[in-house]
Amino acid sequence: MVHFGYNPAMPIHCPICQRETCWERNPWRPFCSERCQVRDLGSWASEWYRVPGASLTIPSAPDNSDETA
């Protein structure tokens, strides 16, 4: 699939460290290395990145400790 103006050999910049890297034959794309890919995943896992929107609150299960068997 070819997109207008897209050149896979054209260098891109890593979104984490801004180092120039190539899209083609890069197993960590769009990152330059596994280290930057893991840093990005860690940022999502620690909630450093957030998607705007309403907070999702999951109701807890009812407490049935007062019931006897």
N, C-alpha and C. Protein backbone atom coordinates (compact mmCIF):
# COMPACT_ATOMS: atom_id res chain seq x y z
N MET A 1 0.85 -1.18 0.00
CA MET A 1 0.00 0.00 0.00
C MET A 1 0.90 1.24 0.00
N VAL A 2 0.66 2.13 -0.90
CA VAL A 2 1.44 3.35 -1.03
C VAL A 2 0.54 4.53 -0.70
N HIS A 3 1.03 5.38 0.17
CA HIS A 3 0.30 6.59 0.55
C HIS A 3 0.97 7.78 -0.12
N PHE A 4 0.18 8.73 -0.53
CA PHE A 4 0.70 9.94 -1.15
C PHE A 4 1.67 10.64 -0.20
N GLY A 5 2.88 10.88 -0.66
CA GLY A 5 3.87 11.60 0.12
C GLY A 5 4.59 10.75 1.15
N TYR A 6 4.31 9.45 1.20
CA TYR A 6 4.95 8.57 2.19
C TYR A 6 6.16 7.90 1.57
N ASN A 7 7.28 7.96 2.23
CA ASN A 7 8.50 7.33 1.77
C ASN A 7 9.07 6.54 2.94
N PRO A 8 9.00 5.19 2.92
CA PRO A 8 9.47 4.40 4.06
C PRO A 8 10.96 4.53 4.33
N ALA A 9 11.74 4.96 3.34
CA ALA A 9 13.17 5.13 3.54
C ALA A 9 13.49 6.50 4.16
N MET A 10 12.50 7.38 4.21
CA MET A 10 12.72 8.71 4.77
C MET A 10 12.91 8.61 6.28
N PRO A 11 13.89 9.28 6.84
CA PRO A 11 14.11 9.22 8.28
C PRO A 11 12.96 9.86 9.06
N ILE A 12 12.67 9.29 10.22
CA ILE A 12 11.68 9.84 11.13
C ILE A 12 12.37 10.11 12.46
N HIS A 13 11.70 10.80 13.36
CA HIS A 13 12.27 11.10 14.67
C HIS A 13 11.55 10.29 15.73
N CYS A 14 12.33 9.69 16.62
CA CYS A 14 11.79 8.91 17.73
C CYS A 14 10.95 9.84 18.61
N PRO A 15 9.72 9.44 18.97
CA PRO A 15 8.88 10.31 19.80
C PRO A 15 9.38 10.46 21.24
N ILE A 16 10.30 9.63 21.67
CA ILE A 16 10.82 9.71 23.04
C ILE A 16 12.10 10.55 23.11
N CYS A 17 13.12 10.18 22.32
CA CYS A 17 14.42 10.85 22.43
C CYS A 17 14.73 11.78 21.26
N GLN A 18 13.85 11.80 20.25
CA GLN A 18 14.00 12.64 19.06
C GLN A 18 15.17 12.24 18.16
N ARG A 19 15.79 11.09 18.42
CA ARG A 19 16.87 10.61 17.56
C ARG A 19 16.30 10.24 16.20
N GLU A 20 17.06 10.52 15.16
CA GLU A 20 16.63 10.18 13.82
C GLU A 20 16.74 8.66 13.62
N THR A 21 15.70 8.07 13.07
CA THR A 21 15.69 6.64 12.81
C THR A 21 14.94 6.37 11.51
N CYS A 22 14.97 5.16 11.05
CA CYS A 22 14.33 4.78 9.80
C CYS A 22 13.10 3.94 10.10
N TRP A 23 12.02 4.14 9.37
CA TRP A 23 10.79 3.37 9.56
C TRP A 23 10.97 1.95 9.03
N GLU A 24 11.56 1.85 7.87
CA GLU A 24 11.72 0.56 7.21
C GLU A 24 12.74 -0.31 7.95
N ARG A 25 12.40 -1.58 8.13
CA ARG A 25 13.25 -2.58 8.81
C ARG A 25 13.59 -2.18 10.24
N ASN A 26 12.70 -1.47 10.91
CA ASN A 26 12.91 -1.07 12.30
C ASN A 26 11.89 -1.82 13.16
N PRO A 27 12.32 -2.82 13.93
CA PRO A 27 11.36 -3.62 14.72
C PRO A 27 10.69 -2.84 15.85
N TRP A 28 11.23 -1.68 16.22
CA TRP A 28 10.67 -0.91 17.34
C TRP A 28 9.90 0.32 16.89
N ARG A 29 9.63 0.43 15.59
CA ARG A 29 9.00 1.64 15.08
C ARG A 29 7.70 1.95 15.81
N PRO A 30 7.41 3.16 16.09
CA PRO A 30 8.06 4.38 15.61
C PRO A 30 9.22 4.84 16.48
N PHE A 31 9.66 3.98 17.40
CA PHE A 31 10.76 4.34 18.29
C PHE A 31 12.09 3.94 17.66
N CYS A 32 13.18 4.48 18.18
CA CYS A 32 14.49 4.18 17.61
C CYS A 32 15.09 2.91 18.20
N SER A 33 14.63 2.51 19.38
CA SER A 33 15.22 1.36 20.05
C SER A 33 14.21 0.72 21.00
N GLU A 34 14.58 -0.46 21.47
CA GLU A 34 13.73 -1.15 22.45
C GLU A 34 13.64 -0.33 23.73
N ARG A 35 14.72 0.34 24.09
CA ARG A 35 14.74 1.17 25.31
C ARG A 35 13.67 2.26 25.25
N CYS A 36 13.58 2.97 24.13
CA CYS A 36 12.57 4.02 24.00
C CYS A 36 11.16 3.43 23.96
N GLN A 37 11.01 2.26 23.36
CA GLN A 37 9.71 1.61 23.32
C GLN A 37 9.26 1.24 24.74
N VAL A 38 10.17 0.72 25.56
CA VAL A 38 9.85 0.35 26.93
C VAL A 38 9.59 1.59 27.79
N ARG A 39 10.34 2.66 27.56
CA ARG A 39 10.08 3.91 28.28
C ARG A 39 8.67 4.42 28.01
N ASP A 40 8.24 4.34 26.75
CA ASP A 40 6.90 4.78 26.39
C ASP A 40 5.84 3.90 27.05
N LEU A 41 6.05 2.60 27.04
CA LEU A 41 5.11 1.69 27.70
C LEU A 41 5.04 1.98 29.20
N GLY A 42 6.18 2.25 29.81
CA GLY A 42 6.21 2.60 31.23
C GLY A 42 5.45 3.88 31.53
N SER A 43 5.51 4.84 30.63
CA SER A 43 4.77 6.10 30.81
C SER A 43 3.27 5.85 30.79
N TRP A 44 2.82 4.96 29.90
CA TRP A 44 1.40 4.62 29.87
C TRP A 44 1.02 3.85 31.14
N ALA A 45 1.86 2.90 31.55
CA ALA A 45 1.55 2.06 32.71
C ALA A 45 1.50 2.87 34.01
N SER A 46 2.34 3.89 34.12
CA SER A 46 2.35 4.72 35.32
C SER A 46 1.35 5.87 35.25
N GLU A 47 0.55 5.88 34.18
CA GLU A 47 -0.48 6.89 33.94
C GLU A 47 0.10 8.29 33.74
N TRP A 48 1.33 8.35 33.24
CA TRP A 48 1.92 9.65 32.89
C TRP A 48 1.17 10.23 31.70
N TYR A 49 0.83 9.33 30.73
CA TYR A 49 0.00 9.73 29.60
C TYR A 49 -1.44 9.44 29.97
N ARG A 50 -2.33 10.30 29.57
CA ARG A 50 -3.75 10.10 29.85
C ARG A 50 -4.57 10.48 28.63
N VAL A 51 -5.61 9.75 28.40
CA VAL A 51 -6.55 10.05 27.32
C VAL A 51 -7.66 10.89 27.94
N PRO A 52 -7.92 12.08 27.41
CA PRO A 52 -8.95 12.93 28.01
C PRO A 52 -10.33 12.29 27.92
N GLY A 53 -11.12 12.55 28.92
CA GLY A 53 -12.49 12.03 28.94
C GLY A 53 -12.96 11.87 30.37
N ALA A 54 -14.17 11.42 30.49
CA ALA A 54 -14.75 11.21 31.82
C ALA A 54 -14.02 10.08 32.53
N SER A 55 -13.91 10.21 33.84
CA SER A 55 -13.28 9.18 34.66
C SER A 55 -14.16 7.93 34.68
N LEU A 56 -13.52 6.79 34.54
CA LEU A 56 -14.25 5.53 34.58
C LEU A 56 -14.18 4.96 35.99
N THR A 57 -15.31 4.90 36.65
CA THR A 57 -15.37 4.35 37.99
C THR A 57 -16.11 3.03 37.93
N ILE A 58 -15.46 1.99 38.39
CA ILE A 58 -16.08 0.67 38.40
C ILE A 58 -16.63 0.43 39.80
N PRO A 59 -17.95 0.21 39.92
CA PRO A 59 -18.52 -0.01 41.24
C PRO A 59 -17.95 -1.29 41.86
N SER A 60 -17.70 -1.20 43.15
CA SER A 60 -17.17 -2.38 43.84
C SER A 60 -18.29 -3.36 44.13
N ALA A 61 -17.92 -4.59 44.37
CA ALA A 61 -18.91 -5.63 44.67
C ALA A 61 -19.52 -5.33 46.03
N PRO A 62 -20.79 -5.66 46.23
CA PRO A 62 -21.42 -5.43 47.53
C PRO A 62 -20.75 -6.25 48.62
N ASP A 63 -20.69 -5.66 49.78
CA ASP A 63 -20.06 -6.34 50.93
C ASP A 63 -21.09 -7.27 51.57
N ASN A 64 -20.88 -8.56 51.45
CA ASN A 64 -21.80 -9.56 52.00
C ASN A 64 -21.28 -10.19 53.29
N SER A 65 -20.41 -9.48 53.99
CA SER A 65 -19.82 -10.05 55.20
C SER A 65 -20.83 -10.15 56.35
N ASP A 66 -21.95 -9.41 56.31
CA ASP A 66 -22.95 -9.46 57.37
C ASP A 66 -23.87 -10.66 57.24
N GLU A 67 -23.87 -11.29 56.09
CA GLU A 67 -24.77 -12.43 55.87
C GLU A 67 -24.15 -13.69 56.49
N THR A 68 -25.02 -14.54 57.01
CA THR A 68 -24.56 -15.81 57.56
C THR A 68 -24.96 -16.92 56.61
N ALA A 69 -24.18 -17.97 56.60
CA ALA A 69 -24.46 -19.08 55.67
C ALA A 69 -25.56 -19.95 56.15
